[in-house]
Structure formats: structure tokens, C-alpha cells
Amino acid sequence: MTTDGQQANAKADEAKTDLAAAARDFASNPSAENDQRLGDAYQTSSEAHSAARPVNGGSGSGA
């Protein structure tokens, strides 16, 4: 069984990986579709990392 902290960290890591992939795709092909994907991935990553901070003893909104 995983803890809330482990789940939050896993979601943040997954979001970071998705963001890196979206950034690579946009860098190689700066299309409107890839721009949207990059923006969405950035938002998701930001939210996941903000949610992980309080669970791991850091500051953040927890939302």
C-alpha cells in the first residue's frame, strides 16, 4: 500500500516526464497542437508539484 506522499510524488514525477516529452515535441515541431499540449502539460505538472509539496512537508496550497 502506498502513502499519500508516495502517490503525490508518483503523480508529480509522471507529470514531469509528460512535460519533458511535450517540450521536446514542441521544440522539434512548434505546431499549434504541440503548443497546446505543452501548455496543458505545464499546467498539470505545476498542479501535481504544488499538491505534492504539503504532503512531503513543504509549502504549497495542497490543491
PDB file of N, CA and C in Angstrom:
ATOM      1  N   MET A   1       0.853  -1.180   0.000  1.00  0.00           N
ATOM      2  CA  MET A   1       0.000   0.000   0.000  1.00  0.00           C
ATOM      3  C   MET A   1       0.902   1.247   0.000  1.00  0.00           C
ATOM      4  N   THR A   2       0.542   2.223  -0.780  1.00  0.00           N
ATOM      5  CA  THR A   2       1.333   3.434  -0.868  1.00  0.00           C
ATOM      6  C   THR A   2       0.747   4.530   0.014  1.00  0.00           C
ATOM      7  N   THR A   3       1.612   5.411   0.439  1.00  0.00           N
ATOM      8  CA  THR A   3       1.170   6.540   1.250  1.00  0.00           C
ATOM      9  C   THR A   3       0.731   7.680   0.346  1.00  0.00           C
ATOM     10  N   ASP A   4       0.086   8.673   0.960  1.00  0.00           N
ATOM     11  CA  ASP A   4      -0.314   9.860   0.186  1.00  0.00           C
ATOM     12  C   ASP A   4       0.909  10.528  -0.425  1.00  0.00           C
ATOM     13  N   GLY A   5       1.992  10.577   0.333  1.00  0.00           N
ATOM     14  CA  GLY A   5       3.220  11.202  -0.165  1.00  0.00           C
ATOM     15  C   GLY A   5       3.781  10.467  -1.366  1.00  0.00           C
ATOM     16  N   GLN A   6       3.771   9.147  -1.321  1.00  0.00           N
ATOM     17  CA  GLN A   6       4.264   8.358  -2.447  1.00  0.00           C
ATOM     18  C   GLN A   6       3.389   8.551  -3.675  1.00  0.00           C
ATOM     19  N   GLN A   7       2.082   8.597  -3.477  1.00  0.00           N
ATOM     20  CA  GLN A   7       1.165   8.814  -4.602  1.00  0.00           C
ATOM     21  C   GLN A   7       1.365  10.206  -5.192  1.00  0.00           C
ATOM     22  N   ALA A   8       1.513  11.206  -4.329  1.00  0.00           N
ATOM     23  CA  ALA A   8       1.726  12.573  -4.810  1.00  0.00           C
ATOM     24  C   ALA A   8       3.045  12.672  -5.564  1.00  0.00           C
ATOM     25  N   ASN A   9       4.079  12.022  -5.046  1.00  0.00           N
ATOM     26  CA  ASN A   9       5.379  12.035  -5.727  1.00  0.00           C
ATOM     27  C   ASN A   9       5.301  11.332  -7.076  1.00  0.00           C
ATOM     28  N   ALA A  10       4.586  10.221  -7.135  1.00  0.00           N
ATOM     29  CA  ALA A  10       4.442   9.485  -8.395  1.00  0.00           C
ATOM     30  C   ALA A  10       3.716  10.331  -9.433  1.00  0.00           C
ATOM     31  N   LYS A  11       2.656  11.017  -9.012  1.00  0.00           N
ATOM     32  CA  LYS A  11       1.920  11.882  -9.948  1.00  0.00           C
ATOM     33  C   LYS A  11       2.799  13.039 -10.418  1.00  0.00           C
ATOM     34  N   ALA A  12       3.587  13.610  -9.512  1.00  0.00           N
ATOM     35  CA  ALA A  12       4.472  14.712  -9.880  1.00  0.00           C
ATOM     36  C   ALA A  12       5.557  14.232 -10.842  1.00  0.00           C
ATOM     37  N   ASP A  13       6.116  13.055 -10.598  1.00  0.00           N
ATOM     38  CA  ASP A  13       7.131  12.502 -11.499  1.00  0.00           C
ATOM     39  C   ASP A  13       6.557  12.214 -12.879  1.00  0.00           C
ATOM     40  N   GLU A  14       5.360  11.652 -12.910  1.00  0.00           N
ATOM     41  CA  GLU A  14       4.712  11.366 -14.192  1.00  0.00           C
ATOM     42  C   GLU A  14       4.438  12.664 -14.955  1.00  0.00           C
ATOM     43  N   ALA A  15       3.982  13.680 -14.245  1.00  0.00           N
ATOM     44  CA  ALA A  15       3.699  14.972 -14.879  1.00  0.00           C
ATOM     45  C   ALA A  15       4.980  15.603 -15.409  1.00  0.00           C
ATOM     46  N   LYS A  16       6.079  15.453 -14.669  1.00  0.00           N
ATOM     47  CA  LYS A  16       7.370  15.991 -15.110  1.00  0.00           C
ATOM     48  C   LYS A  16       7.827  15.299 -16.387  1.00  0.00           C
ATOM     49  N   THR A  17       7.642  13.985 -16.444  1.00  0.00           N
ATOM     50  CA  THR A  17       8.015  13.220 -17.637  1.00  0.00           C
ATOM     51  C   THR A  17       7.172  13.656 -18.833  1.00  0.00           C
ATOM     52  N   ASP A  18       5.871  13.826 -18.613  1.00  0.00           N
ATOM     53  CA  ASP A  18       4.983  14.279 -19.696  1.00  0.00           C
ATOM     54  C   ASP A  18       5.365  15.678 -20.173  1.00  0.00           C
ATOM     55  N   LEU A  19       5.735  16.543 -19.236  1.00  0.00           N
ATOM     56  CA  LEU A  19       6.139  17.907 -19.595  1.00  0.00           C
ATOM     57  C   LEU A  19       7.411  17.889 -20.439  1.00  0.00           C
ATOM     58  N   ALA A  20       8.365  17.053 -20.054  1.00  0.00           N
ATOM     59  CA  ALA A  20       9.610  16.960 -20.828  1.00  0.00           C
ATOM     60  C   ALA A  20       9.334  16.462 -22.241  1.00  0.00           C
ATOM     61  N   ALA A  21       8.465  15.475 -22.363  1.00  0.00           N
ATOM     62  CA  ALA A  21       8.126  14.952 -23.691  1.00  0.00           C
ATOM     63  C   ALA A  21       7.416  16.010 -24.536  1.00  0.00           C
ATOM     64  N   ALA A  22       6.507  16.747 -23.915  1.00  0.00           N
ATOM     65  CA  ALA A  22       5.791  17.801 -24.640  1.00  0.00           C
ATOM     66  C   ALA A  22       6.752  18.903 -25.081  1.00  0.00           C
ATOM     67  N   ALA A  23       7.713  19.227 -24.236  1.00  0.00           N
ATOM     68  CA  ALA A  23       8.697  20.262 -24.588  1.00  0.00           C
ATOM     69  C   ALA A  23       9.566  19.804 -25.762  1.00  0.00           C
ATOM     70  N   ARG A  24       9.978  18.543 -25.739  1.00  0.00           N
ATOM     71  CA  ARG A  24      10.772  18.016 -26.864  1.00  0.00           C
ATOM     72  C   ARG A  24       9.956  18.047 -28.158  1.00  0.00           C
ATOM     73  N   ASP A  25       8.696  17.628 -28.066  1.00  0.00           N
ATOM     74  CA  ASP A  25       7.837  17.626 -29.261  1.00  0.00           C
ATOM     75  C   ASP A  25       7.657  19.037 -29.811  1.00  0.00           C
ATOM     76  N   PHE A  26       7.442  20.001 -28.906  1.00  0.00           N
ATOM     77  CA  PHE A  26       7.250  21.376 -29.354  1.00  0.00           C
ATOM     78  C   PHE A  26       8.537  21.940 -29.960  1.00  0.00           C
ATOM     79  N   ALA A  27       9.678  21.598 -29.357  1.00  0.00           N
ATOM     80  CA  ALA A  27      10.956  22.095 -29.880  1.00  0.00           C
ATOM     81  C   ALA A  27      11.230  21.565 -31.291  1.00  0.00           C
ATOM     82  N   SER A  28      10.841  20.323 -31.549  1.00  0.00           N
ATOM     83  CA  SER A  28      11.099  19.750 -32.865  1.00  0.00           C
ATOM     84  C   SER A  28      10.011  20.101 -33.879  1.00  0.00           C
ATOM     85  N   ASN A  29       8.816  20.451 -33.392  1.00  0.00           N
ATOM     86  CA  ASN A  29       7.708  20.782 -34.286  1.00  0.00           C
ATOM     87  C   ASN A  29       6.787  21.769 -33.568  1.00  0.00           C
ATOM     88  N   PRO A  30       7.090  23.071 -33.674  1.00  0.00           N
ATOM     89  CA  PRO A  30       6.292  24.070 -32.941  1.00  0.00           C
ATOM     90  C   PRO A  30       4.927  24.357 -33.563  1.00  0.00           C
ATOM     91  N   SER A  31       4.106  23.326 -33.609  1.00  0.00           N
ATOM     92  CA  SER A  31       2.755  23.470 -34.161  1.00  0.00           C
ATOM     93  C   SER A  31       1.795  23.947 -33.072  1.00  0.00           C
ATOM     94  N   ALA A  32       0.614  24.367 -33.483  1.00  0.00           N
ATOM     95  CA  ALA A  32      -0.405  24.804 -32.522  1.00  0.00           C
ATOM     96  C   ALA A  32      -0.804  23.647 -31.606  1.00  0.00           C
ATOM     97  N   GLU A  33      -0.882  22.448 -32.165  1.00  0.00           N
ATOM     98  CA  GLU A  33      -1.239  21.272 -31.361  1.00  0.00           C
ATOM     99  C   GLU A  33      -0.183  20.997 -30.279  1.00  0.00           C
ATOM    100  N   ASN A  34       1.079  21.068 -30.668  1.00  0.00           N
ATOM    101  CA  ASN A  34       2.142  20.832 -29.695  1.00  0.00           C
ATOM    102  C   ASN A  34       2.242  21.970 -28.684  1.00  0.00           C
ATOM    103  N   ASP A  35       1.920  23.178 -29.102  1.00  0.00           N
ATOM    104  CA  ASP A  35       1.887  24.311 -28.176  1.00  0.00           C
ATOM    105  C   ASP A  35       0.812  24.090 -27.111  1.00  0.00           C
ATOM    106  N   GLN A  36      -0.352  23.621 -27.538  1.00  0.00           N
ATOM    107  CA  GLN A  36      -1.441  23.334 -26.599  1.00  0.00           C
ATOM    108  C   GLN A  36      -1.051  22.214 -25.659  1.00  0.00           C
ATOM    109  N   ARG A  37      -0.441  21.174 -26.202  1.00  0.00           N
ATOM    110  CA  ARG A  37      -0.012  20.033 -25.374  1.00  0.00           C
ATOM    111  C   ARG A  37       1.023  20.478 -24.345  1.00  0.00           C
ATOM    112  N   LEU A  38       1.948  21.337 -24.756  1.00  0.00           N
ATOM    113  CA  LEU A  38       2.963  21.844 -23.837  1.00  0.00           C
ATOM    114  C   LEU A  38       2.314  22.670 -22.724  1.00  0.00           C
ATOM    115  N   GLY A  39       1.379  23.518 -23.074  1.00  0.00           N
ATOM    116  CA  GLY A  39       0.681  24.329 -22.073  1.00  0.00           C
ATOM    117  C   GLY A  39      -0.094  23.468 -21.086  1.00  0.00           C
ATOM    118  N   ASP A  40      -0.775  22.457 -21.608  1.00  0.00           N
ATOM    119  CA  ASP A  40      -1.532  21.548 -20.743  1.00  0.00           C
ATOM    120  C   ASP A  40      -0.602  20.770 -19.820  1.00  0.00           C
ATOM    121  N   ALA A  41       0.517  20.292 -20.362  1.00  0.00           N
ATOM    122  CA  ALA A  41       1.473  19.523 -19.564  1.00  0.00           C
ATOM    123  C   ALA A  41       2.100  20.396 -18.485  1.00  0.00           C
ATOM    124  N   TYR A  42       2.372  21.659 -18.813  1.00  0.00           N
ATOM    125  CA  TYR A  42       2.934  22.577 -17.824  1.00  0.00           C
ATOM    126  C   TYR A  42       1.942  22.789 -16.679  1.00  0.00           C
ATOM    127  N   GLN A  43       0.687  22.999 -17.018  1.00  0.00           N
ATOM    128  CA  GLN A  43      -0.350  23.218 -16.002  1.00  0.00           C
ATOM    129  C   GLN A  43      -0.493  21.989 -15.106  1.00  0.00           C
ATOM    130  N   THR A  44      -0.553  20.829 -15.711  1.00  0.00           N
ATOM    131  CA  THR A  44      -0.688  19.585 -14.951  1.00  0.00           C
ATOM    132  C   THR A  44       0.507  19.371 -14.037  1.00  0.00           C
ATOM    133  N   SER A  45       1.705  19.630 -14.549  1.00  0.00           N
ATOM    134  CA  SER A  45       2.919  19.462 -13.748  1.00  0.00           C
ATOM    135  C   SER A  45       2.936  20.437 -12.583  1.00  0.00           C
ATOM    136  N   SER A  46       2.562  21.667 -12.843  1.00  0.00           N
ATOM    137  CA  SER A  46       2.529  22.678 -11.787  1.00  0.00           C
ATOM    138  C   SER A  46       1.565  22.272 -10.676  1.00  0.00           C
ATOM    139  N   GLU A  47       0.391  21.815 -11.066  1.00  0.00           N
ATOM    140  CA  GLU A  47      -0.611  21.397 -10.078  1.00  0.00           C
ATOM    141  C   GLU A  47      -0.140  20.174  -9.291  1.00  0.00           C
ATOM    142  N   ALA A  48       0.467  19.213  -9.976  1.00  0.00           N
ATOM    143  CA  ALA A  48       0.931  17.993  -9.308  1.00  0.00           C
ATOM    144  C   ALA A  48       2.043  18.296  -8.315  1.00  0.00           C
ATOM    145  N   HIS A  49       2.960  19.171  -8.692  1.00  0.00           N
ATOM    146  CA  HIS A  49       4.050  19.510  -7.780  1.00  0.00           C
ATOM    147  C   HIS A  49       3.550  20.358  -6.613  1.00  0.00           C
ATOM    148  N   SER A  50       2.593  21.229  -6.843  1.00  0.00           N
ATOM    149  CA  SER A  50       2.012  22.008  -5.746  1.00  0.00           C
ATOM    150  C   SER A  50       1.288  21.096  -4.764  1.00  0.00           C
ATOM    151  N   ALA A  51       0.621  20.088  -5.266  1.00  0.00           N
ATOM    152  CA  ALA A  51      -0.095  19.150  -4.399  1.00  0.00           C
ATOM    153  C   ALA A  51       0.870  18.277  -3.613  1.00  0.00           C
ATOM    154  N   ALA A  52       2.022  17.972  -4.188  1.00  0.00           N
ATOM    155  CA  ALA A  52       2.991  17.095  -3.526  1.00  0.00           C
ATOM    156  C   ALA A  52       3.747  17.806  -2.414  1.00  0.00           C
ATOM    157  N   ARG A  53       3.951  19.103  -2.529  1.00  0.00           N
ATOM    158  CA  ARG A  53       4.754  19.815  -1.529  1.00  0.00           C
ATOM    159  C   ARG A  53       4.214  19.685  -0.108  1.00  0.00           C
ATOM    160  N   PRO A  54       2.948  19.984   0.163  1.00  0.00           N
ATOM    161  CA  PRO A  54       2.470  19.899   1.542  1.00  0.00           C
ATOM    162  C   PRO A  54       2.485  18.464   2.092  1.00  0.00           C
ATOM    163  N   VAL A  55       2.237  17.496   1.237  1.00  0.00           N
ATOM    164  CA  VAL A  55       2.235  16.100   1.663  1.00  0.00           C
ATOM    165  C   VAL A  55       3.643  15.696   2.108  1.00  0.00           C
ATOM    166  N   ASN A  56       4.643  16.301   1.488  1.00  0.00           N
ATOM    167  CA  ASN A  56       6.034  15.976   1.802  1.00  0.00           C
ATOM    168  C   ASN A  56       6.659  16.950   2.788  1.00  0.00           C
ATOM    169  N   GLY A  57       5.843  17.760   3.447  1.00  0.00           N
ATOM    170  CA  GLY A  57       6.350  18.665   4.465  1.00  0.00           C
ATOM    171  C   GLY A  57       6.799  20.018   3.962  1.00  0.00           C
ATOM    172  N   GLY A  58       6.541  20.336   2.703  1.00  0.00           N
ATOM    173  CA  GLY A  58       6.906  21.629   2.154  1.00  0.00           C
ATOM    174  C   GLY A  58       5.728  22.577   2.148  1.00  0.00           C
ATOM    175  N   SER A  59       5.941  23.732   1.592  1.00  0.00           N
ATOM    176  CA  SER A  59       4.844  24.701   1.498  1.00  0.00           C
ATOM    177  C   SER A  59       4.126  24.509   0.176  1.00  0.00           C
ATOM    178  N   GLY A  60       2.879  24.866   0.147  1.00  0.00           N
ATOM    179  CA  GLY A  60       2.075  24.754  -1.063  1.00  0.00           C
ATOM    180  C   GLY A  60       0.622  24.820  -0.715  1.00  0.00           C
ATOM    181  N   SER A  61      -0.192  24.954  -1.729  1.00  0.00           N
ATOM    182  CA  SER A  61      -1.620  25.124  -1.496  1.00  0.00           C
ATOM    183  C   SER A  61      -2.298  23.810  -1.135  1.00  0.00           C
ATOM    184  N   GLY A  62      -1.750  22.702  -1.602  1.00  0.00           N
ATOM    185  CA  GLY A  62      -2.379  21.425  -1.364  1.00  0.00           C
ATOM    186  C   GLY A  62      -3.571  21.161  -2.258  1.00  0.00           C
ATOM    187  N   ALA A  63      -3.846  22.088  -3.173  1.00  0.00           N
ATOM    188  CA  ALA A  63      -4.995  21.936  -4.086  1.00  0.00           C
ATOM    189  C   ALA A  63      -4.543  21.326  -5.385  1.00  0.00           C
TER     190      ALA A  63
END
